[in-house]
PDB file of N, CA and C in Angstrom:
ATOM      1  N   MET A   1      11.283 -14.576  46.813  1.00  0.00           N
ATOM      2  CA  MET A   1      10.412 -13.556  46.436  1.00  0.00           C
ATOM      3  C   MET A   1       9.526 -14.078  45.197  1.00  0.00           C
ATOM      4  N   SER A   2       8.410 -13.980  45.200  1.00  0.00           N
ATOM      5  CA  SER A   2       7.551 -14.505  44.071  1.00  0.00           C
ATOM      6  C   SER A   2       7.253 -13.289  43.074  1.00  0.00           C
ATOM      7  N   GLU A   3       7.182 -13.649  41.847  1.00  0.00           N
ATOM      8  CA  GLU A   3       7.029 -12.596  40.907  1.00  0.00           C
ATOM      9  C   GLU A   3       5.544 -12.552  40.597  1.00  0.00           C
ATOM     10  N   ARG A   4       5.033 -11.288  40.659  1.00  0.00           N
ATOM     11  CA  ARG A   4       3.621 -10.999  40.586  1.00  0.00           C
ATOM     12  C   ARG A   4       3.332 -10.042  39.561  1.00  0.00           C
ATOM     13  N   LYS A   5       2.380 -10.492  38.612  1.00  0.00           N
ATOM     14  CA  LYS A   5       2.120  -9.556  37.310  1.00  0.00           C
ATOM     15  C   LYS A   5       0.811  -8.625  37.824  1.00  0.00           C
ATOM     16  N   GLU A   6       0.880  -7.394  37.672  1.00  0.00           N
ATOM     17  CA  GLU A   6      -0.295  -6.549  37.967  1.00  0.00           C
ATOM     18  C   GLU A   6      -1.035  -6.484  36.618  1.00  0.00           C
ATOM     19  N   GLN A   7      -2.356  -6.460  36.763  1.00  0.00           N
ATOM     20  CA  GLN A   7      -3.210  -6.203  35.730  1.00  0.00           C
ATOM     21  C   GLN A   7      -3.523  -4.648  35.511  1.00  0.00           C
ATOM     22  N   ILE A   8      -2.957  -4.082  34.478  1.00  0.00           N
ATOM     23  CA  ILE A   8      -3.146  -2.705  34.211  1.00  0.00           C
ATOM     24  C   ILE A   8      -4.515  -2.099  33.893  1.00  0.00           C
ATOM     25  N   GLY A   9      -5.302  -2.989  33.048  1.00  0.00           N
ATOM     26  CA  GLY A   9      -6.543  -2.771  32.659  1.00  0.00           C
ATOM     27  C   GLY A   9      -6.929  -3.734  31.647  1.00  0.00           C
ATOM     28  N   GLU A  10      -6.635  -3.344  30.351  1.00  0.00           N
ATOM     29  CA  GLU A  10      -6.974  -4.256  29.255  1.00  0.00           C
ATOM     30  C   GLU A  10      -5.790  -5.141  28.980  1.00  0.00           C
ATOM     31  N   GLU A  11      -6.051  -6.229  28.397  1.00  0.00           N
ATOM     32  CA  GLU A  11      -4.936  -7.179  27.977  1.00  0.00           C
ATOM     33  C   GLU A  11      -4.426  -6.763  26.732  1.00  0.00           C
ATOM     34  N   TYR A  12      -3.202  -6.746  26.569  1.00  0.00           N
ATOM     35  CA  TYR A  12      -2.376  -6.415  25.359  1.00  0.00           C
ATOM     36  C   TYR A  12      -2.209  -7.564  24.485  1.00  0.00           C
ATOM     37  N   LEU A  13      -2.304  -7.158  23.108  1.00  0.00           N
ATOM     38  CA  LEU A  13      -2.178  -8.292  22.250  1.00  0.00           C
ATOM     39  C   LEU A  13      -0.873  -7.880  21.344  1.00  0.00           C
ATOM     40  N   THR A  14      -0.002  -9.028  21.070  1.00  0.00           N
ATOM     41  CA  THR A  14       1.283  -8.676  20.284  1.00  0.00           C
ATOM     42  C   THR A  14       0.639  -8.777  18.933  1.00  0.00           C
ATOM     43  N   ALA A  15       1.598  -8.321  17.793  1.00  0.00           N
ATOM     44  CA  ALA A  15       1.342  -8.257  16.445  1.00  0.00           C
ATOM     45  C   ALA A  15       0.921  -9.617  15.927  1.00  0.00           C
ATOM     46  N   GLU A  16       1.465 -10.771  16.496  1.00  0.00           N
ATOM     47  CA  GLU A  16       1.120 -12.092  16.112  1.00  0.00           C
ATOM     48  C   GLU A  16      -0.379 -12.372  16.418  1.00  0.00           C
ATOM     49  N   ASP A  17      -0.637 -11.857  17.685  1.00  0.00           N
ATOM     50  CA  ASP A  17      -2.097 -12.076  18.022  1.00  0.00           C
ATOM     51  C   ASP A  17      -2.907 -11.429  17.376  1.00  0.00           C
ATOM     52  N   VAL A  18      -2.733 -10.189  17.011  1.00  0.00           N
ATOM     53  CA  VAL A  18      -3.670  -9.364  16.005  1.00  0.00           C
ATOM     54  C   VAL A  18      -3.768 -10.036  14.754  1.00  0.00           C
ATOM     55  N   LEU A  19      -2.641 -10.805  14.132  1.00  0.00           N
ATOM     56  CA  LEU A  19      -2.932 -11.459  12.874  1.00  0.00           C
ATOM     57  C   LEU A  19      -3.746 -12.631  12.823  1.00  0.00           C
ATOM     58  N   ARG A  20      -4.074 -13.121  14.231  1.00  0.00           N
ATOM     59  CA  ARG A  20      -4.795 -14.326  14.460  1.00  0.00           C
ATOM     60  C   ARG A  20      -6.198 -13.945  14.563  1.00  0.00           C
ATOM     61  N   LEU A  21      -6.720 -12.763  14.707  1.00  0.00           N
ATOM     62  CA  LEU A  21      -7.971 -12.243  14.604  1.00  0.00           C
ATOM     63  C   LEU A  21      -8.516 -12.277  13.255  1.00  0.00           C
ATOM     64  N   GLN A  22      -9.762 -12.663  13.109  1.00  0.00           N
ATOM     65  CA  GLN A  22     -10.356 -12.960  11.876  1.00  0.00           C
ATOM     66  C   GLN A  22     -10.233 -11.611  10.819  1.00  0.00           C
ATOM     67  N   PRO A  23     -10.352 -10.378  11.110  1.00  0.00           N
ATOM     68  CA  PRO A  23     -10.272  -9.375  10.075  1.00  0.00           C
ATOM     69  C   PRO A  23      -8.889  -9.260   9.538  1.00  0.00           C
ATOM     70  N   PHE A  24      -7.928  -9.724  10.270  1.00  0.00           N
ATOM     71  CA  PHE A  24      -6.502  -9.456   9.972  1.00  0.00           C
ATOM     72  C   PHE A  24      -5.995 -10.672   9.574  1.00  0.00           C
ATOM     73  N   SER A  25      -6.530 -11.812   9.435  1.00  0.00           N
ATOM     74  CA  SER A  25      -5.844 -13.103   9.428  1.00  0.00           C
ATOM     75  C   SER A  25      -5.109 -13.290   7.809  1.00  0.00           C
ATOM     76  N   HIS A  26      -5.729 -12.446   6.938  1.00  0.00           N
ATOM     77  CA  HIS A  26      -4.996 -12.641   5.509  1.00  0.00           C
ATOM     78  C   HIS A  26      -3.776 -11.697   5.500  1.00  0.00           C
ATOM     79  N   LEU A  27      -3.518 -10.771   6.449  1.00  0.00           N
ATOM     80  CA  LEU A  27      -2.374  -9.935   6.470  1.00  0.00           C
ATOM     81  C   LEU A  27      -1.075 -10.546   6.834  1.00  0.00           C
ATOM     82  N   LYS A  28      -0.009  -9.893   6.525  1.00  0.00           N
ATOM     83  CA  LYS A  28       1.314 -10.428   6.963  1.00  0.00           C
ATOM     84  C   LYS A  28       1.817  -9.480   7.948  1.00  0.00           C
ATOM     85  N   LEU A  29       2.876  -9.856   8.700  1.00  0.00           N
ATOM     86  CA  LEU A  29       3.492  -9.143   9.897  1.00  0.00           C
ATOM     87  C   LEU A  29       3.946  -7.713   9.334  1.00  0.00           C
ATOM     88  N   ALA A  30       4.562  -7.834   8.003  1.00  0.00           N
ATOM     89  CA  ALA A  30       5.111  -6.621   7.535  1.00  0.00           C
ATOM     90  C   ALA A  30       4.137  -5.577   7.105  1.00  0.00           C
ATOM     91  N   THR A  31       2.771  -6.040   7.052  1.00  0.00           N
ATOM     92  CA  THR A  31       1.865  -5.032   6.656  1.00  0.00           C
ATOM     93  C   THR A  31       1.533  -4.139   7.929  1.00  0.00           C
ATOM     94  N   LEU A  32       1.376  -4.897   9.090  1.00  0.00           N
ATOM     95  CA  LEU A  32       1.249  -4.287  10.302  1.00  0.00           C
ATOM     96  C   LEU A  32       2.366  -3.359  10.640  1.00  0.00           C
ATOM     97  N   LYS A  33       3.648  -3.704  10.339  1.00  0.00           N
ATOM     98  CA  LYS A  33       4.655  -2.957  10.638  1.00  0.00           C
ATOM     99  C   LYS A  33       4.616  -1.663   9.859  1.00  0.00           C
ATOM    100  N   LYS A  34       4.314  -1.911   8.480  1.00  0.00           N
ATOM    101  CA  LYS A  34       4.170  -0.669   7.660  1.00  0.00           C
ATOM    102  C   LYS A  34       3.030   0.251   8.138  1.00  0.00           C
ATOM    103  N   TRP A  35       2.092  -0.226   8.589  1.00  0.00           N
ATOM    104  CA  TRP A  35       0.970   0.472   9.128  1.00  0.00           C
ATOM    105  C   TRP A  35       1.226   1.238  10.220  1.00  0.00           C
ATOM    106  N   ARG A  36       2.111   0.771  11.146  1.00  0.00           N
ATOM    107  CA  ARG A  36       2.635   1.324  12.343  1.00  0.00           C
ATOM    108  C   ARG A  36       3.422   2.607  11.948  1.00  0.00           C
ATOM    109  N   HIS A  37       4.452   2.372  11.008  1.00  0.00           N
ATOM    110  CA  HIS A  37       5.364   3.528  10.419  1.00  0.00           C
ATOM    111  C   HIS A  37       4.547   4.566   9.825  1.00  0.00           C
ATOM    112  N   THR A  38       3.577   4.383   9.084  1.00  0.00           N
ATOM    113  CA  THR A  38       2.745   5.309   8.290  1.00  0.00           C
ATOM    114  C   THR A  38       1.698   5.861   8.977  1.00  0.00           C
ATOM    115  N   GLY A  39       1.293   5.283  10.205  1.00  0.00           N
ATOM    116  CA  GLY A  39       0.233   5.672  11.015  1.00  0.00           C
ATOM    117  C   GLY A  39      -1.270   5.302  10.489  1.00  0.00           C
ATOM    118  N   GLU A  40      -1.384   4.341   9.569  1.00  0.00           N
ATOM    119  CA  GLU A  40      -2.474   3.964   8.984  1.00  0.00           C
ATOM    120  C   GLU A  40      -3.168   2.863   9.981  1.00  0.00           C
ATOM    121  N   GLY A  41      -2.457   2.004  10.558  1.00  0.00           N
ATOM    122  CA  GLY A  41      -3.158   0.849  11.422  1.00  0.00           C
ATOM    123  C   GLY A  41      -3.660   1.292  12.746  1.00  0.00           C
ATOM    124  N   PRO A  42      -4.109   0.388  13.546  1.00  0.00           N
ATOM    125  CA  PRO A  42      -4.525   0.641  14.883  1.00  0.00           C
ATOM    126  C   PRO A  42      -3.352   1.214  15.702  1.00  0.00           C
ATOM    127  N   ARG A  43      -3.640   1.972  16.678  1.00  0.00           N
ATOM    128  CA  ARG A  43      -2.630   2.596  17.394  1.00  0.00           C
ATOM    129  C   ARG A  43      -1.875   1.630  18.466  1.00  0.00           C
ATOM    130  N   SER A  44      -0.702   1.643  18.496  1.00  0.00           N
ATOM    131  CA  SER A  44       0.074   0.489  19.221  1.00  0.00           C
ATOM    132  C   SER A  44       0.944   1.313  20.423  1.00  0.00           C
ATOM    133  N   VAL A  45       1.357   0.467  21.324  1.00  0.00           N
ATOM    134  CA  VAL A  45       2.292   1.001  22.206  1.00  0.00           C
ATOM    135  C   VAL A  45       3.373  -0.029  22.261  1.00  0.00           C
ATOM    136  N   ARG A  46       4.709   0.633  22.219  1.00  0.00           N
ATOM    137  CA  ARG A  46       5.879  -0.045  22.135  1.00  0.00           C
ATOM    138  C   ARG A  46       6.533  -0.314  23.522  1.00  0.00           C
ATOM    139  N   ILE A  47       6.587  -1.447  23.838  1.00  0.00           N
ATOM    140  CA  ILE A  47       7.313  -1.915  25.274  1.00  0.00           C
ATOM    141  C   ILE A  47       8.606  -2.630  24.832  1.00  0.00           C
ATOM    142  N   GLY A  48       9.658  -2.032  25.027  1.00  0.00           N
ATOM    143  CA  GLY A  48      10.902  -2.579  24.717  1.00  0.00           C
ATOM    144  C   GLY A  48      10.907  -2.588  23.069  1.00  0.00           C
ATOM    145  N   ARG A  49      11.078  -3.691  22.503  1.00  0.00           N
ATOM    146  CA  ARG A  49      11.010  -3.814  21.016  1.00  0.00           C
ATOM    147  C   ARG A  49       9.818  -4.377  20.453  1.00  0.00           C
ATOM    148  N   LYS A  50       8.772  -4.725  21.307  1.00  0.00           N
ATOM    149  CA  LYS A  50       7.459  -5.217  20.917  1.00  0.00           C
ATOM    150  C   LYS A  50       6.547  -4.183  20.948  1.00  0.00           C
ATOM    151  N   PRO A  51       5.751  -4.131  19.741  1.00  0.00           N
ATOM    152  CA  PRO A  51       4.547  -3.311  19.709  1.00  0.00           C
ATOM    153  C   PRO A  51       3.335  -4.086  20.148  1.00  0.00           C
ATOM    154  N   LEU A  52       2.618  -3.380  21.025  1.00  0.00           N
ATOM    155  CA  LEU A  52       1.443  -4.105  21.568  1.00  0.00           C
ATOM    156  C   LEU A  52       0.203  -3.394  21.304  1.00  0.00           C
ATOM    157  N   TYR A  53      -0.981  -4.086  21.104  1.00  0.00           N
ATOM    158  CA  TYR A  53      -2.326  -3.491  20.796  1.00  0.00           C
ATOM    159  C   TYR A  53      -3.298  -3.710  21.794  1.00  0.00           C
ATOM    160  N   THR A  54      -4.246  -2.867  22.009  1.00  0.00           N
ATOM    161  CA  THR A  54      -5.396  -3.252  22.930  1.00  0.00           C
ATOM    162  C   THR A  54      -6.479  -3.683  21.958  1.00  0.00           C
ATOM    163  N   LEU A  55      -7.405  -4.512  22.570  1.00  0.00           N
ATOM    164  CA  LEU A  55      -8.477  -5.039  21.682  1.00  0.00           C
ATOM    165  C   LEU A  55      -9.368  -3.921  21.489  1.00  0.00           C
ATOM    166  N   SER A  56      -9.699  -2.889  22.447  1.00  0.00           N
ATOM    167  CA  SER A  56     -10.516  -1.831  22.234  1.00  0.00           C
ATOM    168  C   SER A  56      -9.895  -0.873  21.267  1.00  0.00           C
ATOM    169  N   GLU A  57      -8.737  -0.852  21.038  1.00  0.00           N
ATOM    170  CA  GLU A  57      -8.140   0.198  19.905  1.00  0.00           C
ATOM    171  C   GLU A  57      -8.455  -0.543  18.479  1.00  0.00           C
ATOM    172  N   ILE A  58      -8.247  -1.874  18.469  1.00  0.00           N
ATOM    173  CA  ILE A  58      -8.400  -2.517  17.164  1.00  0.00           C
ATOM    174  C   ILE A  58      -9.870  -2.378  16.739  1.00  0.00           C
ATOM    175  N   ILE A  59     -10.815  -2.493  17.870  1.00  0.00           N
ATOM    176  CA  ILE A  59     -12.318  -2.449  17.493  1.00  0.00           C
ATOM    177  C   ILE A  59     -12.587  -0.938  16.995  1.00  0.00           C
ATOM    178  N   ARG A  60     -12.013  -0.083  17.791  1.00  0.00           N
ATOM    179  CA  ARG A  60     -12.103   1.472  17.263  1.00  0.00           C
ATOM    180  C   ARG A  60     -11.644   1.709  16.008  1.00  0.00           C
ATOM    181  N   TRP A  61     -10.433   1.098  15.606  1.00  0.00           N
ATOM    182  CA  TRP A  61      -9.939   1.477  14.276  1.00  0.00           C
ATOM    183  C   TRP A  61     -10.730   0.758  13.097  1.00  0.00           C
ATOM    184  N   LEU A  62     -11.301  -0.519  13.469  1.00  0.00           N
ATOM    185  CA  LEU A  62     -12.095  -1.282  12.422  1.00  0.00           C
ATOM    186  C   LEU A  62     -13.430  -0.500  12.153  1.00  0.00           C
ATOM    187  N   SER A  63     -14.021  -0.066  13.368  1.00  0.00           N
ATOM    188  CA  SER A  63     -15.352   0.797  13.123  1.00  0.00           C
ATOM    189  C   SER A  63     -15.139   1.987  12.346  1.00  0.00           C
ATOM    190  N   GLU A  64     -14.014   2.620  12.666  1.00  0.00           N
ATOM    191  CA  GLU A  64     -13.547   3.975  11.798  1.00  0.00           C
ATOM    192  C   GLU A  64     -13.422   3.750  10.370  1.00  0.00           C
ATOM    193  N   ARG A  65     -12.733   2.624  10.083  1.00  0.00           N
ATOM    194  CA  ARG A  65     -12.557   2.284   8.554  1.00  0.00           C
ATOM    195  C   ARG A  65     -13.941   1.862   8.093  1.00  0.00           C
ATOM    196  N   GLU A  66     -14.726   1.083   8.807  1.00  0.00           N
ATOM    197  CA  GLU A  66     -16.081   0.727   8.209  1.00  0.00           C
ATOM    198  C   GLU A  66     -16.892   1.943   7.990  1.00  0.00           C
ATOM    199  N   ARG A  67     -17.018   2.986   8.875  1.00  0.00           N
ATOM    200  CA  ARG A  67     -17.714   4.315   8.504  1.00  0.00           C
ATOM    201  C   ARG A  67     -17.055   5.087   7.368  1.00  0.00           C
ATOM    202  N   TYR A  68     -15.685   5.071   7.325  1.00  0.00           N
ATOM    203  CA  TYR A  68     -15.028   5.626   6.172  1.00  0.00           C
ATOM    204  C   TYR A  68     -15.496   4.972   4.768  1.00  0.00           C
ATOM    205  N   SER A  69     -15.420   3.777   4.822  1.00  0.00           N
ATOM    206  CA  SER A  69     -15.594   3.057   3.549  1.00  0.00           C
ATOM    207  C   SER A  69     -17.125   3.099   3.065  1.00  0.00           C
ATOM    208  N   HIS A  70     -18.063   3.191   4.120  1.00  0.00           N
ATOM    209  CA  HIS A  70     -19.388   3.391   3.641  1.00  0.00           C
ATOM    210  C   HIS A  70     -19.590   4.772   3.179  1.00  0.00           C
ATOM    211  N   SER A  71     -18.997   5.868   3.696  1.00  0.00           N
ATOM    212  CA  SER A  71     -19.341   7.156   3.342  1.00  0.00           C
ATOM    213  C   SER A  71     -18.421   7.517   2.233  1.00  0.00           C
ATOM    214  N   HIS A  72     -17.447   6.904   1.840  1.00  0.00           N
ATOM    215  CA  HIS A  72     -16.497   7.439   0.700  1.00  0.00           C
ATOM    216  C   HIS A  72     -16.411   6.371  -0.279  1.00  0.00           C
ATOM    217  N   GLY A  73     -16.309   5.154  -0.001  1.00  0.00           N
ATOM    218  CA  GLY A  73     -16.199   4.219  -1.032  1.00  0.00           C
ATOM    219  C   GLY A  73     -17.274   3.993  -1.969  1.00  0.00           C
ATOM    220  N   ILE A  74     -18.640   4.052  -1.549  1.00  0.00           N
ATOM    221  CA  ILE A  74     -19.596   3.693  -2.382  1.00  0.00           C
ATOM    222  C   ILE A  74     -20.066   4.851  -3.156  1.00  0.00           C
ATOM    223  N   THR A  75     -20.097   6.052  -2.615  1.00  0.00           N
ATOM    224  CA  THR A  75     -20.587   7.212  -3.196  1.00  0.00           C
ATOM    225  C   THR A  75     -19.547   7.961  -4.053  1.00  0.00           C
ATOM    226  N   LYS A  76     -18.177   7.493  -3.985  1.00  0.00           N
ATOM    227  CA  LYS A  76     -17.176   8.267  -4.678  1.00  0.00           C
ATOM    228  C   LYS A  76     -17.466   8.178  -6.137  1.00  0.00           C
ATOM    229  N   GLU A  77     -17.409   9.358  -6.734  1.00  0.00           N
ATOM    230  CA  GLU A  77     -17.510   9.490  -8.265  1.00  0.00           C
ATOM    231  C   GLU A  77     -16.190   9.098  -8.942  1.00  0.00           C
ATOM    232  N   ILE A  78     -16.157   8.184  -9.986  1.00  0.00           N
ATOM    233  CA  ILE A  78     -15.198   7.815 -10.668  1.00  0.00           C
ATOM    234  C   ILE A  78     -15.176   8.514 -12.031  1.00  0.00           C
ATOM    235  N   LYS A  79     -14.217   9.388 -12.098  1.00  0.00           N
ATOM    236  CA  LYS A  79     -14.086  10.206 -13.267  1.00  0.00           C
ATOM    237  C   LYS A  79     -13.378   9.562 -14.492  1.00  0.00           C
ATOM    238  N   PRO A  80     -13.846   9.535 -15.657  1.00  0.00           N
ATOM    239  CA  PRO A  80     -13.296   8.960 -16.755  1.00  0.00           C
ATOM    240  C   PRO A  80     -11.775   9.372 -17.153  1.00  0.00           C
ATOM    241  N   MET A  81     -10.908   8.549 -17.653  1.00  0.00           N
ATOM    242  CA  MET A  81      -9.657   9.063 -17.922  1.00  0.00           C
ATOM    243  C   MET A  81      -9.646   9.434 -19.301  1.00  0.00           C
ATOM    244  N   VAL A  82      -9.116  10.650 -19.511  1.00  0.00           N
ATOM    245  CA  VAL A  82      -9.046  11.060 -20.994  1.00  0.00           C
ATOM    246  C   VAL A  82      -7.685  11.051 -21.567  1.00  0.00           C
ATOM    247  N   LEU A  83      -7.416  10.263 -22.547  1.00  0.00           N
ATOM    248  CA  LEU A  83      -6.118  10.190 -23.245  1.00  0.00           C
ATOM    249  C   LEU A  83      -6.204  10.680 -24.625  1.00  0.00           C
ATOM    250  N   PRO A  84      -5.205  11.447 -25.127  1.00  0.00           N
ATOM    251  CA  PRO A  84      -5.289  12.075 -26.394  1.00  0.00           C
ATOM    252  C   PRO A  84      -4.914  10.906 -27.274  1.00  0.00           C
ATOM    253  N   ILE A  85      -5.729  10.904 -28.351  1.00  0.00           N
ATOM    254  CA  ILE A  85      -5.503   9.916 -29.397  1.00  0.00           C
ATOM    255  C   ILE A  85      -5.146  10.597 -30.725  1.00  0.00           C
ATOM    256  N   SER A  86      -4.006  10.123 -31.169  1.00  0.00           N
ATOM    257  CA  SER A  86      -3.577  10.789 -32.491  1.00  0.00           C
ATOM    258  C   SER A  86      -4.248  10.185 -33.643  1.00  0.00           C
ATOM    259  N   GLU A  87      -4.683  11.039 -34.631  1.00  0.00           N
ATOM    260  CA  GLU A  87      -5.288  10.611 -35.881  1.00  0.00           C
ATOM    261  C   GLU A  87      -4.315  10.115 -36.915  1.00  0.00           C
ATOM    262  N   GLN A  88      -3.161  10.497 -36.875  1.00  0.00           N
ATOM    263  CA  GLN A  88      -2.149  10.226 -37.904  1.00  0.00           C
ATOM    264  C   GLN A  88      -1.064   9.369 -37.145  1.00  0.00           C
ATOM    265  N   ARG A  89      -0.534   8.509 -37.953  1.00  0.00           N
ATOM    266  CA  ARG A  89       0.502   7.639 -37.531  1.00  0.00           C
ATOM    267  C   ARG A  89       1.735   8.507 -37.686  1.00  0.00           C
ATOM    268  N   GLU A  90       2.710   8.489 -36.674  1.00  0.00           N
ATOM    269  CA  GLU A  90       3.874   9.323 -36.519  1.00  0.00           C
ATOM    270  C   GLU A  90       4.768   8.779 -37.735  1.00  0.00           C
ATOM    271  N   ALA A  91       5.536   9.774 -38.405  1.00  0.00           N
ATOM    272  CA  ALA A  91       6.468   9.436 -39.310  1.00  0.00           C
ATOM    273  C   ALA A  91       7.568   8.499 -38.932  1.00  0.00           C
ATOM    274  N   VAL A  92       8.101   7.599 -39.471  1.00  0.00           N
ATOM    275  CA  VAL A  92       9.205   6.752 -39.271  1.00  0.00           C
ATOM    276  C   VAL A  92      10.514   7.718 -39.150  1.00  0.00           C
ATOM    277  N   ARG A  93      11.214   7.594 -38.209  1.00  0.00           N
ATOM    278  CA  ARG A  93      12.366   8.407 -38.080  1.00  0.00           C
ATOM    279  C   ARG A  93      13.481   7.446 -38.662  1.00  0.00           C
ATOM    280  N   ARG A  94      14.092   7.800 -39.715  1.00  0.00           N
ATOM    281  CA  ARG A  94      15.030   6.858 -40.242  1.00  0.00           C
ATOM    282  C   ARG A  94      16.630   7.158 -39.560  1.00  0.00           C
ATOM    283  N   ASN A  95      16.682   8.421 -39.145  1.00  0.00           N
ATOM    284  CA  ASN A  95      18.076   8.701 -38.544  1.00  0.00           C
ATOM    285  C   ASN A  95      18.057   8.680 -37.030  1.00  0.00           C
ATOM    286  N   HIS A  96      16.992   7.970 -36.490  1.00  0.00           N
ATOM    287  CA  HIS A  96      17.094   7.900 -34.964  1.00  0.00           C
ATOM    288  C   HIS A  96      18.292   7.235 -34.472  1.00  0.00           C
ATOM    289  N   ARG A  97      18.880   7.527 -33.368  1.00  0.00           N
ATOM    290  CA  ARG A  97      20.027   6.883 -32.882  1.00  0.00           C
ATOM    291  C   ARG A  97      19.718   5.558 -32.427  1.00  0.00           C
ATOM    292  N   LEU A  98      18.478   5.037 -32.187  1.00  0.00           N
ATOM    293  CA  LEU A  98      18.309   3.615 -31.693  1.00  0.00           C
ATOM    294  C   LEU A  98      17.748   2.797 -32.744  1.00  0.00           C
ATOM    295  N   GLY A  99      17.529   3.310 -33.892  1.00  0.00           N
ATOM    296  CA  GLY A  99      16.977   2.407 -34.937  1.00  0.00           C
ATOM    297  C   GLY A  99      17.004   3.166 -36.308  1.00  0.00           C
ATOM    298  N   GLY A 100      16.535   2.517 -37.245  1.00  0.00           N
ATOM    299  CA  GLY A 100      16.482   3.100 -38.621  1.00  0.00           C
ATOM    300  C   GLY A 100      17.832   3.217 -39.261  1.00  0.00           C
ATOM    301  N   HIS A 101      18.471   2.058 -39.060  1.00  0.00           N
ATOM    302  CA  HIS A 101      19.985   2.079 -39.681  1.00  0.00           C
ATOM    303  C   HIS A 101      19.998   2.170 -41.137  1.00  0.00           C
ATOM    304  N   LYS A 102      21.004   2.682 -41.577  1.00  0.00           N
ATOM    305  CA  LYS A 102      21.142   3.016 -43.133  1.00  0.00           C
ATOM    306  C   LYS A 102      21.509   1.748 -43.689  1.00  0.00           C
ATOM    307  N   THR A 103      20.884   1.515 -44.988  1.00  0.00           N
ATOM    308  CA  THR A 103      21.232   0.290 -45.802  1.00  0.00           C
ATOM    309  C   THR A 103      22.585   0.540 -46.498  1.00  0.00           C
ATOM    310  N   GLU A 104      23.244  -0.202 -47.030  1.00  0.00           N
ATOM    311  CA  GLU A 104      24.339  -0.257 -47.759  1.00  0.00           C
ATOM    312  C   GLU A 104      24.267   0.844 -48.941  1.00  0.00           C
ATOM    313  N   ARG A 105      23.075   0.792 -49.596  1.00  0.00           N
ATOM    314  CA  ARG A 105      22.757   1.695 -50.763  1.00  0.00           C
ATOM    315  C   ARG A 105      22.590   3.176 -50.199  1.00  0.00           C
ATOM    316  N   GLU A 106      21.911   3.322 -49.092  1.00  0.00           N
ATOM    317  CA  GLU A 106      21.786   4.630 -48.627  1.00  0.00           C
ATOM    318  C   GLU A 106      23.217   5.204 -48.024  1.00  0.00           C
ATOM    319  N   ARG A 107      24.047   4.459 -47.606  1.00  0.00           N
ATOM    320  CA  ARG A 107      25.341   4.948 -47.128  1.00  0.00           C
ATOM    321  C   ARG A 107      26.101   5.432 -48.387  1.00  0.00           C
ATOM    322  N   ARG A 108      26.133   4.634 -49.402  1.00  0.00           N
ATOM    323  CA  ARG A 108      26.804   4.927 -50.630  1.00  0.00           C
ATOM    324  C   ARG A 108      26.228   6.284 -51.445  1.00  0.00           C
ATOM    325  N   GLN A 109      24.985   6.372 -51.304  1.00  0.00           N
ATOM    326  CA  GLN A 109      24.371   7.635 -51.918  1.00  0.00           C
ATOM    327  C   GLN A 109      24.604   8.836 -50.926  1.00  0.00           C
ATOM    328  N   SER A 110      24.938   8.771 -49.645  1.00  0.00           N
ATOM    329  CA  SER A 110      25.125   9.965 -48.840  1.00  0.00           C
ATOM    330  C   SER A 110      26.616  10.522 -49.098  1.00  0.00           C
ATOM    331  N   HIS A 111      27.440   9.598 -49.416  1.00  0.00           N
ATOM    332  CA  HIS A 111      28.847  10.024 -49.560  1.00  0.00           C
ATOM    333  C   HIS A 111      29.326  10.616 -50.925  1.00  0.00           C
TER     334      HIS A 111
END
């Protein structure tokens, strides 16, 4: 009996194949795994223990991110961060539990 593989439609890519593609070549396998679990990356199908991707899904995901970055990244207003600045220096805490130890003279005066 000869084994015959049926063509379902599109060719499926493994995570390693996806990382060989130019837009993903700088990424690590762990990044794709994280994206799968958080739902950030391209949609995948899990067959057994292996996640598989279609080329059309990867192209769709990339074009979606491209549209998002053009519409949000460039026109996004950056608000200045406001931090309170104290005009006076804080007083030194002499009896603080982590510092300001008493000198021998101060110990004698307190008794």
